[in-house]
Amino acid sequence: MKQILAFVGILAVIGVSFVLHGGRLGALVKISEIVIIFGASLGGLIISCTMPTLKLMISQIKQTLGKSIYTKDYYNELLSLMFELINVVKMQNLKALDTHVENPEASSIFTKYPAIMKDTITLHFIIDSFRQVISSKIAAHELEAALEEEIEVLMEEYEKPSHKLHATAEAMPGIGILAAVMGIILTMQNLDADVTIIGQSIAGALVGTFTGIFGCYCLAGPLSSAMHEIAEEQVAPLHCIRSIITGYLQNLSAHMCVNAGRKHIETHVKPSFTELEQTLESLR
């Protein structure tokens, strides 16, 4: 919603400023130019992306326009889940943890945390990480390096849509010039027309350049930056999980493990030390 309101604000500022300079709003809108520029940009974007990247892009755009799921409540659930899983190992054994990891939908622990169950990226990372712990005796630094490498690969994947859209945004002014050149070609074919008509034709051609620049710096460019933020939000919980599991392999207590993971959470959604203490106390 914030992004939509901001875009409406941009339109209002540009439109009002143009009118105050003595312009007519209708002169800034030319359907044929919009179709050429945004249609060509969309076609180029489709050509440059694979289907998985396009699907991920659509998903990230929806998340950009909606409310983020990565709130303080989300991280409270994540830290609580990891605390309970590690406690299972500490108080029982790895075999007991195996029953939860292999079938999270039926787990008495996982099902207590719906926000994590809905976030398939985080859920699968938790499951795969604990499977590595269960299936092999691996040193803490080795697992940490393996998880870090996996996170880097995932980050590259989730950043692809924003990079592709950013490249498309940078091409839009050029496509706007293409549309303007087409308008100039049409104008040159009618040089014997009245000066007023020629002036209107040239002004119409320049609308193409305006539309391309507007699409780049007021729409596609900011949207690609917002999608980059979404990609970082999607990967951020994984750093938290990596730190917690590494702490477990270093034989830290479950309490110390989740505190280590808490340090990787951004300030505005990070549960305070007191809030985490209260949450963990209710689980003991």
Foldseek 3Di string as FASTA:
>chain_A
DVLVVVLVVVVVVVQVVQVVVVHDSVLLDDPVLCCQLVVVLVVVLVVVDDPVLVVLLVVLLVCLPDPHLLFLLLLLLVLLLLLVLLVCCVVPRLVSSVVCLVCVVPDPRNVVRVSQVVLVLNSVLLSVLSVVVSVDPDALVVSLVVLVVVLVVLLVSQLVNLVSLLVSLVCLLVSLLVQLVVLVVVLVVPVVDDPVVSVSSNSSSVSSNVVSNCCNPSPSVVSSVSSNVVSCSSSLLSQLSSQLVSCVSVVDRSLVSNVRSLVSDDPRRRDDPVRSVVSVVVVD
